[in-house]
Amino acid sequence: MSQYFEIHPQTPQLRLIHKVVEILRAGGVIVYPTDSCYALGCMLDNKNGLERIYRIRSLSKGHHMSLICNDLSSISTYAKVDNRNYRLLKSMTPGAYTFILKATNEIPRRLLHPKRKSIGIRVPDNAIAQALVTELGEPMMSTTLLMPGEDYPLSDPYDISQLLKSDVDAVIDGGACGLEETSVISLEAEVEVLREGKGDIGKLS
């Protein structure tokens, strides 16, 4: 049975954030809000957690996972970023964007796109998500909470907790989230918009 935490969306209660981070460190999978949709998350080295997320969403092994970061300072550890792309990232984060970058050797192979060896990077503009990765002290592995056969992500935290109570370890109620996923921008070679979503891609011009 998952635990349910009501956390203030603007001023997250640190004692509750600490409890959720303890669940993550113990190998848990959580549902948490972002600046676009609710998402599933677990620690980067949590192989079992990744497999559980794959099962919940019925994902194939080649699905791009994202790393949720609180700022750009740790990105160079996990992704290859040149000066031009760093300036672009700095101008568009935090925000509702997922950037696809070539991964470094610090990323476990199981998280990478099997052919392209790339990884998604997110710096969400959401106080709860920011508080989680700040307290965690490292990026969190994540993907949108979009259930199999559905066109839109789940948005009501209570409904999520009832549906996934046996599949996840914690659900954070941070209020109603949106239904629009992030814009996905590849920076592997030339700048390429792979999906237009909530993030304003007009900032690229």
C-alpha atoms as a PDB file:
ATOM      1  CA  MET A   1       0.000   0.000   0.000  1.00  0.00           C
ATOM      2  CA  SER A   2       1.466   3.350  -1.046  1.00  0.00           C
ATOM      3  CA  GLN A   3       1.797   6.318   1.292  1.00  0.00           C
ATOM      4  CA  TYR A   4      -0.043   9.540   0.451  1.00  0.00           C
ATOM      5  CA  PHE A   5       1.548  12.942   1.118  1.00  0.00           C
ATOM      6  CA  GLU A   6      -0.200  16.289   0.762  1.00  0.00           C
ATOM      7  CA  ILE A   7       2.609  18.750   0.043  1.00  0.00           C
ATOM      8  CA  HIS A   8       2.183  22.476  -0.547  1.00  0.00           C
ATOM      9  CA  PRO A   9       2.925  23.280  -4.214  1.00  0.00           C
ATOM     10  CA  GLN A  10       4.693  26.596  -3.510  1.00  0.00           C
ATOM     11  CA  THR A  11       6.262  26.017  -0.094  1.00  0.00           C
ATOM     12  CA  PRO A  12       6.852  22.270   0.291  1.00  0.00           C
ATOM     13  CA  GLN A  13       7.026  21.025   3.887  1.00  0.00           C
ATOM     14  CA  LEU A  14      10.616  19.841   4.295  1.00  0.00           C
ATOM     15  CA  ARG A  15       9.715  17.116   6.808  1.00  0.00           C
ATOM     16  CA  LEU A  16       7.420  15.539   4.194  1.00  0.00           C
ATOM     17  CA  ILE A  17      10.001  15.969   1.437  1.00  0.00           C
ATOM     18  CA  HIS A  18      12.483  14.184   3.714  1.00  0.00           C
ATOM     19  CA  LYS A  19      10.054  11.270   4.200  1.00  0.00           C
ATOM     20  CA  VAL A  20       9.562  10.885   0.446  1.00  0.00           C
ATOM     21  CA  VAL A  21      13.331  10.986  -0.125  1.00  0.00           C
ATOM     22  CA  GLU A  22      13.745   8.246   2.493  1.00  0.00           C
ATOM     23  CA  ILE A  23      11.323   6.135   0.443  1.00  0.00           C
ATOM     24  CA  LEU A  24      13.345   6.815  -2.714  1.00  0.00           C
ATOM     25  CA  ARG A  25      16.605   5.865  -0.977  1.00  0.00           C
ATOM     26  CA  ALA A  26      15.007   2.646   0.265  1.00  0.00           C
ATOM     27  CA  GLY A  27      14.331   1.602  -3.340  1.00  0.00           C
ATOM     28  CA  GLY A  28      10.870   3.088  -3.716  1.00  0.00           C
ATOM     29  CA  VAL A  29       8.973   4.337  -6.737  1.00  0.00           C
ATOM     30  CA  ILE A  30       7.002   7.563  -6.314  1.00  0.00           C
ATOM     31  CA  VAL A  31       4.430   9.695  -8.113  1.00  0.00           C
ATOM     32  CA  TYR A  32       5.178  13.416  -7.924  1.00  0.00           C
ATOM     33  CA  PRO A  33       4.088  16.662  -9.652  1.00  0.00           C
ATOM     34  CA  THR A  34       6.146  18.588 -12.202  1.00  0.00           C
ATOM     35  CA  ASP A  35       5.564  21.812 -14.138  1.00  0.00           C
ATOM     36  CA  SER A  36       3.820  19.794 -16.860  1.00  0.00           C
ATOM     37  CA  CYS A  37       2.260  16.540 -15.600  1.00  0.00           C
ATOM     38  CA  TYR A  38       2.429  14.048 -12.772  1.00  0.00           C
ATOM     39  CA  ALA A  39       5.388  11.699 -13.189  1.00  0.00           C
ATOM     40  CA  LEU A  40       6.860   8.459 -11.898  1.00  0.00           C
ATOM     41  CA  GLY A  41      10.288   8.620 -10.293  1.00  0.00           C
ATOM     42  CA  CYS A  42      12.975   6.535  -8.602  1.00  0.00           C
ATOM     43  CA  MET A  43      16.694   6.754  -7.901  1.00  0.00           C
ATOM     44  CA  LEU A  44      19.189   6.507 -10.740  1.00  0.00           C
ATOM     45  CA  ASP A  45      20.725   3.230  -9.529  1.00  0.00           C
ATOM     46  CA  ASN A  46      17.373   1.580  -8.750  1.00  0.00           C
ATOM     47  CA  LYS A  47      17.222  -1.235 -11.322  1.00  0.00           C
ATOM     48  CA  ASN A  48      14.142  -2.803  -9.740  1.00  0.00           C
ATOM     49  CA  GLY A  49      12.424   0.607  -9.646  1.00  0.00           C
ATOM     50  CA  LEU A  50      13.068   1.072 -13.357  1.00  0.00           C
ATOM     51  CA  GLU A  51      11.551  -2.321 -14.102  1.00  0.00           C
ATOM     52  CA  ARG A  52       8.486  -1.439 -12.022  1.00  0.00           C
ATOM     53  CA  ILE A  53       8.051   1.812 -13.955  1.00  0.00           C
ATOM     54  CA  TYR A  54       8.307  -0.122 -17.231  1.00  0.00           C
ATOM     55  CA  ARG A  55       5.568  -2.489 -15.993  1.00  0.00           C
ATOM     56  CA  ILE A  56       3.261   0.307 -14.804  1.00  0.00           C
ATOM     57  CA  ARG A  57       3.420   2.047 -18.166  1.00  0.00           C
ATOM     58  CA  SER A  58       3.912  -1.076 -20.334  1.00  0.00           C
ATOM     59  CA  LEU A  59       7.016   0.517 -21.848  1.00  0.00           C
ATOM     60  CA  SER A  60       9.504  -1.092 -24.180  1.00  0.00           C
ATOM     61  CA  LYS A  61      13.145  -1.190 -23.103  1.00  0.00           C
ATOM     62  CA  GLY A  62      14.117   1.493 -25.617  1.00  0.00           C
ATOM     63  CA  HIS A  63      11.926   4.175 -24.028  1.00  0.00           C
ATOM     64  CA  HIS A  64      13.792   7.375 -23.162  1.00  0.00           C
ATOM     65  CA  MET A  65      13.898   7.996 -19.444  1.00  0.00           C
ATOM     66  CA  SER A  66      14.674  11.454 -18.092  1.00  0.00           C
ATOM     67  CA  LEU A  67      16.939  12.678 -15.345  1.00  0.00           C
ATOM     68  CA  ILE A  68      15.271  15.268 -13.127  1.00  0.00           C
ATOM     69  CA  CYS A  69      17.866  17.824 -11.989  1.00  0.00           C
ATOM     70  CA  ASN A  70      17.480  20.827  -9.697  1.00  0.00           C
ATOM     71  CA  ASP A  71      19.859  22.944 -11.804  1.00  0.00           C
ATOM     72  CA  LEU A  72      22.490  22.664 -14.535  1.00  0.00           C
ATOM     73  CA  SER A  73      25.461  22.120 -12.215  1.00  0.00           C
ATOM     74  CA  SER A  74      25.306  18.313 -12.339  1.00  0.00           C
ATOM     75  CA  ILE A  75      24.365  17.899 -15.993  1.00  0.00           C
ATOM     76  CA  SER A  76      27.957  17.609 -17.271  1.00  0.00           C
ATOM     77  CA  THR A  77      28.371  14.523 -15.068  1.00  0.00           C
ATOM     78  CA  TYR A  78      25.611  12.709 -16.936  1.00  0.00           C
ATOM     79  CA  ALA A  79      25.447  14.330 -20.400  1.00  0.00           C
ATOM     80  CA  LYS A  80      27.844  15.771 -22.959  1.00  0.00           C
ATOM     81  CA  VAL A  81      27.187  19.502 -23.301  1.00  0.00           C
ATOM     82  CA  ASP A  82      29.184  21.947 -25.419  1.00  0.00           C
ATOM     83  CA  ASN A  83      29.237  25.711 -24.801  1.00  0.00           C
ATOM     84  CA  ARG A  84      26.497  26.478 -27.335  1.00  0.00           C
ATOM     85  CA  ASN A  85      24.104  23.918 -25.875  1.00  0.00           C
ATOM     86  CA  TYR A  86      24.935  24.985 -22.326  1.00  0.00           C
ATOM     87  CA  ARG A  87      23.881  28.544 -23.138  1.00  0.00           C
ATOM     88  CA  LEU A  88      20.638  27.215 -24.622  1.00  0.00           C
ATOM     89  CA  LEU A  89      19.949  25.038 -21.586  1.00  0.00           C
ATOM     90  CA  LYS A  90      20.645  27.939 -19.255  1.00  0.00           C
ATOM     91  CA  SER A  91      18.207  30.197 -21.117  1.00  0.00           C
ATOM     92  CA  MET A  92      15.384  27.611 -21.080  1.00  0.00           C
ATOM     93  CA  THR A  93      15.640  26.131 -17.594  1.00  0.00           C
ATOM     94  CA  PRO A  94      13.884  25.676 -15.331  1.00  0.00           C
ATOM     95  CA  GLY A  95      10.926  24.939 -17.576  1.00  0.00           C
ATOM     96  CA  ALA A  96       8.674  22.349 -19.214  1.00  0.00           C
ATOM     97  CA  TYR A  97      11.320  20.938 -21.540  1.00  0.00           C
ATOM     98  CA  THR A  98      13.102  17.614 -21.923  1.00  0.00           C
ATOM     99  CA  PHE A  99      16.476  17.898 -23.636  1.00  0.00           C
ATOM    100  CA  ILE A 100      17.924  14.818 -25.343  1.00  0.00           C
ATOM    101  CA  LEU A 101      21.719  14.738 -25.033  1.00  0.00           C
ATOM    102  CA  LYS A 102      24.525  12.258 -25.578  1.00  0.00           C
ATOM    103  CA  ALA A 103      25.098  10.436 -22.304  1.00  0.00           C
ATOM    104  CA  THR A 104      28.371  10.091 -20.423  1.00  0.00           C
ATOM    105  CA  ASN A 105      29.654   6.847 -18.947  1.00  0.00           C
ATOM    106  CA  GLU A 106      28.080   7.793 -15.603  1.00  0.00           C
ATOM    107  CA  ILE A 107      24.650   6.787 -16.916  1.00  0.00           C
ATOM    108  CA  PRO A 108      23.777   3.106 -16.362  1.00  0.00           C
ATOM    109  CA  ARG A 109      23.435   1.356 -19.721  1.00  0.00           C
ATOM    110  CA  ARG A 110      19.895   0.208 -18.917  1.00  0.00           C
ATOM    111  CA  LEU A 111      18.704   3.844 -18.972  1.00  0.00           C
ATOM    112  CA  LEU A 112      20.076   4.669 -22.398  1.00  0.00           C
ATOM    113  CA  HIS A 113      18.417   4.548 -25.782  1.00  0.00           C
ATOM    114  CA  PRO A 114      19.904   1.251 -27.073  1.00  0.00           C
ATOM    115  CA  LYS A 115      21.110   2.667 -30.391  1.00  0.00           C
ATOM    116  CA  ARG A 116      21.742   6.345 -29.750  1.00  0.00           C
ATOM    117  CA  LYS A 117      23.247   6.181 -26.214  1.00  0.00           C
ATOM    118  CA  SER A 118      21.361   9.329 -25.267  1.00  0.00           C
ATOM    119  CA  ILE A 119      19.464  10.512 -22.186  1.00  0.00           C
ATOM    120  CA  GLY A 120      16.708  13.025 -21.427  1.00  0.00           C
ATOM    121  CA  ILE A 121      17.497  15.891 -19.046  1.00  0.00           C
ATOM    122  CA  ARG A 122      14.799  17.887 -17.168  1.00  0.00           C
ATOM    123  CA  VAL A 123      15.041  20.901 -14.858  1.00  0.00           C
ATOM    124  CA  PRO A 124      11.370  21.404 -13.933  1.00  0.00           C
ATOM    125  CA  ASP A 125       9.936  24.684 -12.731  1.00  0.00           C
ATOM    126  CA  ASN A 126       8.084  23.060  -9.819  1.00  0.00           C
ATOM    127  CA  ALA A 127       8.888  23.622  -6.157  1.00  0.00           C
ATOM    128  CA  ILE A 128       8.106  20.060  -5.059  1.00  0.00           C
ATOM    129  CA  ALA A 129      10.201  18.430  -7.791  1.00  0.00           C
ATOM    130  CA  GLN A 130      13.032  20.855  -7.059  1.00  0.00           C
ATOM    131  CA  ALA A 131      12.858  20.140  -3.325  1.00  0.00           C
ATOM    132  CA  LEU A 132      12.958  16.371  -3.916  1.00  0.00           C
ATOM    133  CA  VAL A 133      16.125  16.346  -6.031  1.00  0.00           C
ATOM    134  CA  THR A 134      17.793  18.965  -3.816  1.00  0.00           C
ATOM    135  CA  GLU A 135      17.189  16.813  -0.733  1.00  0.00           C
ATOM    136  CA  LEU A 136      18.153  13.675  -2.653  1.00  0.00           C
ATOM    137  CA  GLY A 137      21.463  15.247  -3.640  1.00  0.00           C
ATOM    138  CA  GLU A 138      21.454  13.726  -7.130  1.00  0.00           C
ATOM    139  CA  PRO A 139      19.166  13.553 -10.187  1.00  0.00           C
ATOM    140  CA  MET A 140      16.069  11.360 -10.106  1.00  0.00           C
ATOM    141  CA  MET A 141      15.092   9.001 -12.910  1.00  0.00           C
ATOM    142  CA  SER A 142      11.640   9.819 -14.227  1.00  0.00           C
ATOM    143  CA  THR A 143       8.945   9.485 -16.884  1.00  0.00           C
ATOM    144  CA  THR A 144       5.477  10.976 -17.375  1.00  0.00           C
ATOM    145  CA  LEU A 145       2.587   9.143 -15.687  1.00  0.00           C
ATOM    146  CA  LEU A 146       0.831   8.173 -18.910  1.00  0.00           C
ATOM    147  CA  MET A 147      -0.973   4.865 -18.530  1.00  0.00           C
ATOM    148  CA  PRO A 148      -1.172   2.268 -21.325  1.00  0.00           C
ATOM    149  CA  GLY A 149      -3.847   3.066 -23.913  1.00  0.00           C
ATOM    150  CA  GLU A 150      -4.475   6.586 -22.554  1.00  0.00           C
ATOM    151  CA  ASP A 151      -4.086   9.783 -24.569  1.00  0.00           C
ATOM    152  CA  TYR A 152      -3.445  12.056 -21.592  1.00  0.00           C
ATOM    153  CA  PRO A 153      -1.436  11.718 -18.362  1.00  0.00           C
ATOM    154  CA  LEU A 154      -3.195  11.148 -15.051  1.00  0.00           C
ATOM    155  CA  SER A 155      -3.795  14.466 -13.270  1.00  0.00           C
ATOM    156  CA  ASP A 156      -5.756  13.863 -10.061  1.00  0.00           C
ATOM    157  CA  PRO A 157      -3.492  12.695  -7.214  1.00  0.00           C
ATOM    158  CA  TYR A 158      -6.284  10.961  -5.275  1.00  0.00           C
ATOM    159  CA  ASP A 159      -7.359   8.966  -8.332  1.00  0.00           C
ATOM    160  CA  ILE A 160      -3.691   8.139  -8.958  1.00  0.00           C
ATOM    161  CA  SER A 161      -3.289   6.867  -5.391  1.00  0.00           C
ATOM    162  CA  GLN A 162      -6.330   4.599  -5.763  1.00  0.00           C
ATOM    163  CA  LEU A 163      -5.244   3.242  -9.138  1.00  0.00           C
ATOM    164  CA  LEU A 164      -1.583   2.651  -8.254  1.00  0.00           C
ATOM    165  CA  LYS A 165      -1.792   1.937  -4.521  1.00  0.00           C
ATOM    166  CA  SER A 166      -0.234  -1.508  -5.001  1.00  0.00           C
ATOM    167  CA  ASP A 167       2.281  -0.427  -7.665  1.00  0.00           C
ATOM    168  CA  VAL A 168       4.092   2.582  -6.173  1.00  0.00           C
ATOM    169  CA  ASP A 169       5.417   3.373  -2.700  1.00  0.00           C
ATOM    170  CA  ALA A 170       4.333   7.020  -2.406  1.00  0.00           C
ATOM    171  CA  VAL A 171       2.024   9.492  -4.098  1.00  0.00           C
ATOM    172  CA  ILE A 172       2.562  13.218  -3.592  1.00  0.00           C
ATOM    173  CA  ASP A 173      -0.569  15.350  -3.772  1.00  0.00           C
ATOM    174  CA  GLY A 174       0.721  18.694  -4.986  1.00  0.00           C
ATOM    175  CA  GLY A 175      -2.606  19.806  -6.420  1.00  0.00           C
ATOM    176  CA  ALA A 176      -4.028  19.218  -9.878  1.00  0.00           C
ATOM    177  CA  CYS A 177      -1.394  18.996 -12.618  1.00  0.00           C
ATOM    178  CA  GLY A 178      -1.679  19.726 -16.302  1.00  0.00           C
ATOM    179  CA  LEU A 179      -2.350  17.276 -19.128  1.00  0.00           C
ATOM    180  CA  GLU A 180       0.296  18.512 -21.544  1.00  0.00           C
ATOM    181  CA  GLU A 181       3.678  16.807 -21.629  1.00  0.00           C
ATOM    182  CA  THR A 182       6.973  18.640 -22.009  1.00  0.00           C
ATOM    183  CA  SER A 183       8.407  19.825 -25.274  1.00  0.00           C
ATOM    184  CA  VAL A 184      11.218  17.448 -26.255  1.00  0.00           C
ATOM    185  CA  ILE A 185      14.285  18.978 -27.885  1.00  0.00           C
ATOM    186  CA  SER A 186      17.214  16.959 -29.196  1.00  0.00           C
ATOM    187  CA  LEU A 187      20.657  18.533 -28.808  1.00  0.00           C
ATOM    188  CA  GLU A 188      22.550  15.462 -30.016  1.00  0.00           C
ATOM    189  CA  ALA A 189      23.579  17.193 -33.272  1.00  0.00           C
ATOM    190  CA  GLU A 190      21.576  20.094 -34.627  1.00  0.00           C
ATOM    191  CA  VAL A 191      18.776  21.490 -32.455  1.00  0.00           C
ATOM    192  CA  GLU A 192      15.663  19.470 -33.338  1.00  0.00           C
ATOM    193  CA  VAL A 193      12.164  19.621 -31.806  1.00  0.00           C
ATOM    194  CA  LEU A 194      11.015  16.019 -31.390  1.00  0.00           C
ATOM    195  CA  ARG A 195       7.736  16.880 -29.656  1.00  0.00           C
ATOM    196  CA  GLU A 196       5.998  20.205 -29.194  1.00  0.00           C
ATOM    197  CA  GLY A 197       4.424  20.309 -25.755  1.00  0.00           C
ATOM    198  CA  LYS A 198       3.931  22.734 -22.887  1.00  0.00           C
ATOM    199  CA  GLY A 199       7.334  24.393 -23.129  1.00  0.00           C
ATOM    200  CA  ASP A 200       7.397  27.322 -25.565  1.00  0.00           C
ATOM    201  CA  ILE A 201       9.611  26.284 -28.483  1.00  0.00           C
ATOM    202  CA  GLY A 202       9.531  29.891 -29.731  1.00  0.00           C
ATOM    203  CA  LYS A 203      12.437  30.455 -27.341  1.00  0.00           C
ATOM    204  CA  LEU A 204      14.608  28.458 -29.733  1.00  0.00           C
ATOM    205  CA  SER A 205      14.415  31.133 -32.457  1.00  0.00           C
END
